[in-house]
Amino acid sequence: MLKETPIIFQCHGDHLTGIIHHADVSGSLGILLVVGGPQYRVGSHRQFVLMARELAASGIPVMRFDYRGMGDAEGESRTFDAVDDDIRVAIAMFYQACPNLSGVVIWGLCDAASAALFYGYQDERVKGLVLLNPWVFTEQGAAKTYLKHYYLQRLLSPNLWRKVFSLKFNYQQSLFSLVGLCKKLLNKTAANPIAKQHVDRVDENLDLPTRMRECLQRFKHPVLLILSGRDLTADEFKEAVKQDTQWQALLADPRVSRHDFAAADHTFSSRLWRDQVAEWTVAWLNQLNTIANYSRVK
């Protein structure tokens, strides 16, 4: 059994809790597992516990923690775009517990992936990002995704037509929902300005897909992107990329590795899916460690 150490540390006077999963390897990159909300460090169906243990068994030290207002941490509840300070002090704690770290990779699912992008480019200790089903929500984008990926599938569902022919289908409710989505889709808001160049931080007033794109543009290290095939959040991300040539160029960059996991749902809820994500993460991180070690020797 590999060593697991509980930790308590502070962020602006509030106590945060976490777990360090040690690995029998020195001088390697470690993974900081950031959780999305509403969630805490254990994860849905204990996903983060099991993932961290598997990564540590493969020689990768891992830290998972609760940021302020989440799980067992103190402080006011906060959204994913307000956890930069929590991530910063967590990385410092990770280095203190594992002094032989050569750098940190932030691993995040859904809005935690967005939080990782917001933070990553600001900290030279962050040498990579693992982004799973990134959250790029806009009302218009969500409406378009729902119409395309939900309603079209519903039309092909035998269960829908059984309801129709048995007179159990609620036409009024469905029509009201469809009209509401169409209104959101047609309600285009004025485009936000592109973030100015040579500014320390990306403009926080940009719409979410644009802000995330600008953060990725500034992050110069490798990125692993994993997208589920049975997930509206992943579908909305794919739609946002289709509409934006700059996003497409970024994802085509050699530093970005991508896996499309057609069978998986949003949280990779089966053991098979979770194990596959862990396998991809380990293989990708081993490549990063090999490159880093070669660079140091050279």
Protein backbone atom coordinates (compact mmCIF):
# COMPACT_ATOMS: atom_id res chain seq x y z
CA MET A 1 0.00 0.00 0.00
CA LEU A 2 1.49 3.31 -1.05
CA LYS A 3 1.68 6.08 1.50
CA GLU A 4 -1.21 8.55 1.68
CA THR A 5 -0.84 11.64 3.84
CA PRO A 6 -3.73 13.85 4.99
CA ILE A 7 -2.88 17.56 5.01
CA ILE A 8 -4.38 20.82 6.25
CA PHE A 9 -3.21 24.17 4.88
CA GLN A 10 -4.48 27.73 4.69
CA CYS A 11 -5.76 30.09 2.02
CA HIS A 12 -6.49 33.64 3.22
CA GLY A 13 -7.04 32.37 6.75
CA ASP A 14 -9.39 29.51 5.82
CA HIS A 15 -8.29 25.91 6.38
CA LEU A 16 -8.27 23.59 3.36
CA THR A 17 -8.03 19.80 3.48
CA GLY A 18 -6.31 17.44 1.11
CA ILE A 19 -4.61 14.09 0.57
CA ILE A 20 -1.12 13.47 -0.83
CA HIS A 21 -0.65 10.16 -2.67
CA HIS A 22 3.10 9.51 -2.59
CA ALA A 23 4.94 7.58 -5.29
CA ASP A 24 8.27 5.76 -5.15
CA VAL A 25 9.78 8.05 -7.79
CA SER A 26 11.81 11.23 -7.31
CA GLY A 27 12.27 14.16 -9.64
CA SER A 28 9.03 13.51 -11.52
CA LEU A 29 6.02 15.61 -12.37
CA GLY A 30 3.10 15.38 -9.97
CA ILE A 31 -0.61 15.74 -10.60
CA LEU A 32 -2.71 18.29 -8.73
CA LEU A 33 -6.26 17.02 -9.01
CA VAL A 34 -8.66 19.99 -8.94
CA VAL A 35 -12.32 19.17 -8.36
CA GLY A 36 -15.32 20.75 -10.04
CA GLY A 37 -18.43 21.81 -8.19
CA PRO A 38 -20.60 20.86 -6.55
CA GLN A 39 -18.03 18.21 -5.71
CA TYR A 40 -15.25 17.42 -3.28
CA ARG A 41 -11.94 15.58 -3.25
CA VAL A 42 -13.42 12.04 -3.25
CA GLY A 43 -15.23 12.56 -6.56
CA SER A 44 -18.36 11.02 -8.06
CA HIS A 45 -18.44 7.26 -7.40
CA ARG A 46 -15.05 7.73 -5.62
CA GLN A 47 -13.50 8.52 -8.97
CA PHE A 48 -10.76 10.83 -7.69
CA VAL A 49 -9.68 8.48 -4.89
CA LEU A 50 -9.40 5.52 -7.23
CA MET A 51 -7.75 7.57 -9.97
CA ALA A 52 -5.17 9.04 -7.57
CA ARG A 53 -4.25 5.61 -6.20
CA GLU A 54 -3.84 4.16 -9.66
CA LEU A 55 -1.64 7.05 -10.77
CA ALA A 56 0.49 6.82 -7.62
CA ALA A 57 0.93 3.08 -8.20
CA SER A 58 2.27 3.99 -11.65
CA GLY A 59 4.90 6.26 -10.11
CA ILE A 60 3.06 9.59 -10.25
CA PRO A 61 2.58 11.56 -7.01
CA VAL A 62 -0.91 13.05 -6.72
CA MET A 63 -2.55 15.67 -4.53
CA ARG A 64 -6.31 16.11 -4.31
CA PHE A 65 -7.92 18.76 -2.13
CA ASP A 66 -11.04 20.76 -1.30
CA TYR A 67 -10.87 24.43 -2.18
CA ARG A 68 -12.62 27.04 -0.02
CA GLY A 69 -16.32 26.47 0.48
CA MET A 70 -16.14 22.90 -0.83
CA GLY A 71 -16.16 19.58 1.01
CA ASP A 72 -14.33 19.80 4.32
CA ALA A 73 -12.66 23.14 3.58
CA GLU A 74 -13.58 26.34 5.41
CA GLY A 75 -14.69 29.55 3.74
CA GLU A 76 -17.50 30.87 1.62
CA SER A 77 -18.76 28.88 -1.35
CA ARG A 78 -17.22 30.03 -4.61
CA THR A 79 -17.40 29.33 -8.34
CA PHE A 80 -14.73 27.68 -10.48
CA ASP A 81 -13.50 31.04 -11.79
CA ALA A 82 -12.56 32.23 -8.29
CA VAL A 83 -10.16 29.51 -7.11
CA ASP A 84 -6.80 30.79 -8.40
CA ASP A 85 -5.53 31.46 -4.87
CA ASP A 86 -6.68 28.02 -3.69
CA ILE A 87 -4.76 26.32 -6.52
CA ARG A 88 -1.68 28.46 -5.86
CA VAL A 89 -1.41 27.53 -2.17
CA ALA A 90 -2.24 23.88 -2.96
CA ILE A 91 0.73 23.70 -5.34
CA ALA A 92 2.96 25.21 -2.66
CA MET A 93 1.72 22.56 -0.21
CA PHE A 94 2.32 19.83 -2.80
CA TYR A 95 5.94 20.95 -3.20
CA GLN A 96 6.39 21.06 0.57
CA ALA A 97 5.10 17.50 0.94
CA CYS A 98 6.99 16.22 -2.13
CA PRO A 99 10.18 18.33 -2.40
CA ASN A 100 11.55 16.30 -5.31
CA LEU A 101 8.78 17.37 -7.68
CA SER A 102 10.07 18.72 -10.99
CA GLY A 103 6.75 20.41 -11.75
CA VAL A 104 3.00 20.06 -11.48
CA VAL A 105 0.31 19.02 -13.95
CA ILE A 106 -3.23 20.19 -13.17
CA TRP A 107 -5.93 17.56 -13.85
CA GLY A 108 -9.53 18.79 -14.05
CA LEU A 109 -12.95 17.57 -15.17
CA CYS A 110 -15.74 19.89 -16.37
CA ASP A 111 -15.52 23.31 -14.69
CA ALA A 112 -12.33 22.19 -12.93
CA ALA A 113 -10.78 21.92 -16.41
CA SER A 114 -11.85 25.52 -16.99
CA ALA A 115 -10.33 26.53 -13.64
CA ALA A 116 -7.09 24.77 -14.64
CA LEU A 117 -6.94 26.78 -17.87
CA PHE A 118 -7.64 30.05 -16.04
CA TYR A 119 -4.76 29.40 -13.65
CA GLY A 120 -2.16 27.39 -15.59
CA TYR A 121 -0.54 30.11 -17.69
CA GLN A 122 0.10 32.27 -14.61
CA ASP A 123 2.37 29.84 -12.72
CA GLU A 124 5.72 28.60 -14.01
CA ARG A 125 5.46 25.54 -11.76
CA VAL A 126 2.60 24.24 -13.94
CA LYS A 127 4.15 22.13 -16.70
CA GLY A 128 1.02 20.58 -18.20
CA LEU A 129 -2.77 20.36 -18.10
CA VAL A 130 -5.14 17.39 -18.34
CA LEU A 131 -8.57 18.68 -19.39
CA LEU A 132 -11.62 16.41 -19.42
CA ASN A 133 -14.91 17.65 -20.90
CA PRO A 134 -14.11 21.36 -20.36
CA TRP A 135 -17.03 23.61 -19.35
CA VAL A 136 -17.59 26.35 -21.97
CA PHE A 137 -21.21 27.13 -21.13
CA THR A 138 -23.12 29.96 -22.80
CA GLU A 139 -26.92 30.06 -23.05
CA GLN A 140 -26.78 30.14 -26.83
CA GLY A 141 -24.19 27.36 -27.03
CA ALA A 142 -26.13 25.17 -24.61
CA ALA A 143 -29.37 25.70 -26.54
CA LYS A 144 -27.73 24.78 -29.84
CA THR A 145 -26.11 21.70 -28.36
CA TYR A 146 -29.34 20.56 -26.73
CA LEU A 147 -31.31 20.97 -29.95
CA LYS A 148 -28.72 19.13 -32.00
CA HIS A 149 -27.74 16.34 -29.65
CA TYR A 150 -30.86 15.81 -27.57
CA TYR A 151 -33.93 16.61 -29.67
CA LEU A 152 -32.64 14.95 -32.83
CA GLN A 153 -31.84 11.79 -30.83
CA ARG A 154 -35.28 11.93 -29.23
CA LEU A 155 -36.93 11.95 -32.66
CA LEU A 156 -35.21 8.65 -33.40
CA SER A 157 -36.16 7.11 -30.06
CA PRO A 158 -38.76 4.28 -30.18
CA ASN A 159 -39.79 5.23 -26.65
CA LEU A 160 -40.88 8.69 -27.86
CA TRP A 161 -43.10 7.29 -30.57
CA ARG A 162 -44.64 4.76 -28.18
CA LYS A 163 -45.69 7.70 -26.00
CA VAL A 164 -47.07 9.56 -29.02
CA PHE A 165 -49.18 6.65 -30.27
CA SER A 166 -50.39 5.77 -26.77
CA LEU A 167 -51.50 9.41 -26.27
CA LYS A 168 -49.15 9.80 -23.27
CA PHE A 169 -46.93 12.43 -24.88
CA ASN A 170 -47.08 15.90 -23.29
CA TYR A 171 -47.23 18.13 -26.38
CA GLN A 172 -47.68 21.38 -24.44
CA GLN A 173 -44.67 20.89 -22.20
CA SER A 174 -42.42 19.75 -25.05
CA LEU A 175 -43.46 22.65 -27.28
CA PHE A 176 -42.86 25.15 -24.47
CA SER A 177 -39.38 23.71 -23.88
CA LEU A 178 -38.54 23.74 -27.60
CA VAL A 179 -39.68 27.35 -28.04
CA GLY A 180 -37.60 28.41 -25.04
CA LEU A 181 -34.47 26.81 -26.47
CA CYS A 182 -35.06 28.42 -29.86
CA LYS A 183 -35.38 31.84 -28.23
CA LYS A 184 -32.05 31.36 -26.45
CA LEU A 185 -30.44 30.23 -29.69
CA LEU A 186 -31.66 33.30 -31.58
CA ASN A 187 -30.82 35.73 -28.78
CA LYS A 188 -27.30 36.57 -29.90
CA THR A 189 -25.49 38.96 -27.61
CA ALA A 190 -22.86 41.40 -28.74
CA ALA A 191 -19.48 39.75 -29.17
CA ASN A 192 -16.97 40.41 -26.43
CA PRO A 193 -13.68 42.03 -27.45
CA ILE A 194 -10.64 39.83 -27.93
CA ALA A 195 -8.28 39.96 -24.98
CA LYS A 196 -5.59 42.57 -25.46
CA GLN A 197 -2.06 41.41 -26.10
CA HIS A 198 0.78 41.92 -23.62
CA VAL A 199 -1.53 42.07 -20.59
CA ASP A 200 -0.61 40.04 -17.50
CA ARG A 201 -4.03 38.42 -17.08
CA VAL A 202 -6.68 37.42 -19.56
CA ASP A 203 -9.74 39.70 -19.49
CA GLU A 204 -12.24 38.15 -17.08
CA ASN A 205 -15.16 39.83 -18.89
CA LEU A 206 -14.74 37.73 -22.01
CA ASP A 207 -17.38 35.08 -22.68
CA LEU A 208 -16.33 31.70 -21.33
CA PRO A 209 -15.23 30.00 -24.60
CA THR A 210 -13.16 33.04 -25.61
CA ARG A 211 -11.58 33.47 -22.19
CA MET A 212 -10.58 29.80 -22.10
CA ARG A 213 -9.16 30.03 -25.61
CA GLU A 214 -7.03 33.03 -24.63
CA CYS A 215 -5.77 31.22 -21.52
CA LEU A 216 -4.79 28.19 -23.61
CA GLN A 217 -3.05 30.50 -26.08
CA ARG A 218 -0.84 31.79 -23.26
CA PHE A 219 -0.12 28.38 -21.77
CA LYS A 220 2.99 27.09 -23.53
CA HIS A 221 3.26 23.58 -22.12
CA PRO A 222 1.69 20.24 -23.18
CA VAL A 223 -2.04 19.63 -22.81
CA LEU A 224 -3.99 16.35 -22.75
CA LEU A 225 -7.63 16.76 -23.82
CA ILE A 226 -10.14 13.93 -23.23
CA LEU A 227 -13.72 14.27 -24.51
CA SER A 228 -16.62 11.92 -23.81
CA GLY A 229 -18.98 10.84 -26.55
CA ARG A 230 -22.11 10.68 -24.38
CA ASP A 231 -21.98 14.07 -22.71
CA LEU A 232 -23.67 17.39 -23.54
CA THR A 233 -20.82 19.34 -21.90
CA ALA A 234 -18.31 17.73 -24.26
CA ASP A 235 -20.72 18.28 -27.16
CA GLU A 236 -20.96 21.98 -26.34
CA PHE A 237 -17.16 22.22 -26.24
CA LYS A 238 -16.92 20.56 -29.67
CA GLU A 239 -19.54 22.96 -31.07
CA ALA A 240 -17.65 25.96 -29.67
CA VAL A 241 -14.44 24.74 -31.35
CA LYS A 242 -16.26 24.26 -34.68
CA GLN A 243 -17.33 27.90 -34.64
CA ASP A 244 -13.86 29.29 -33.88
CA THR A 245 -10.84 28.92 -36.19
CA GLN A 246 -8.50 30.11 -33.43
CA TRP A 247 -9.69 27.29 -31.17
CA GLN A 248 -9.16 24.85 -34.03
CA ALA A 249 -5.60 26.09 -34.57
CA LEU A 250 -4.80 25.72 -30.87
CA LEU A 251 -6.08 22.14 -30.71
CA ALA A 252 -4.11 21.28 -33.86
CA ASP A 253 -0.87 22.36 -32.17
CA PRO A 254 1.52 19.40 -31.57
CA ARG A 255 1.64 20.18 -27.85
CA VAL A 256 -2.05 19.20 -27.55
CA SER A 257 -2.85 15.47 -27.36
CA ARG A 258 -6.51 14.50 -27.74
CA HIS A 259 -8.60 11.41 -27.08
CA ASP A 260 -12.27 11.19 -28.06
CA PHE A 261 -13.90 8.52 -25.89
CA ALA A 262 -17.13 7.71 -27.74
CA ALA A 263 -18.53 5.25 -25.18
CA ALA A 264 -17.94 7.32 -22.03
CA ASP A 265 -20.34 9.55 -20.10
CA HIS A 266 -19.49 12.86 -18.42
CA THR A 267 -17.77 11.47 -15.31
CA PHE A 268 -16.34 8.26 -16.85
CA SER A 269 -18.49 6.39 -14.37
CA SER A 270 -17.56 2.78 -15.15
CA ARG A 271 -14.35 1.10 -14.05
CA LEU A 272 -13.45 0.42 -17.68
CA TRP A 273 -13.79 4.11 -18.60
CA ARG A 274 -11.95 5.32 -15.49
CA ASP A 275 -9.10 2.87 -16.11
CA GLN A 276 -8.79 4.04 -19.71
CA VAL A 277 -8.53 7.68 -18.60
CA ALA A 278 -5.85 6.70 -16.08
CA GLU A 279 -3.96 4.77 -18.76
CA TRP A 280 -3.99 7.75 -21.14
CA THR A 281 -2.91 10.07 -18.32
CA VAL A 282 -0.01 7.84 -17.25
CA ALA A 283 1.26 7.33 -20.82
CA TRP A 284 1.08 11.06 -21.56
CA LEU A 285 2.77 12.04 -18.29
CA ASN A 286 5.54 9.47 -18.80
CA GLN A 287 6.31 11.15 -22.11
CA LEU A 288 6.53 14.52 -20.35
CA ASN A 289 8.85 13.08 -17.70
CA THR A 290 11.07 11.51 -20.38
CA ILE A 291 11.34 14.83 -22.25
CA ALA A 292 12.02 16.74 -19.02
CA ASN A 293 14.73 14.29 -17.89
CA TYR A 294 16.38 14.38 -21.32
CA SER A 295 16.42 18.18 -21.26
CA ARG A 296 18.06 18.23 -17.81
CA VAL A 297 20.75 15.72 -18.86
CA LYS A 298 21.40 17.58 -22.12
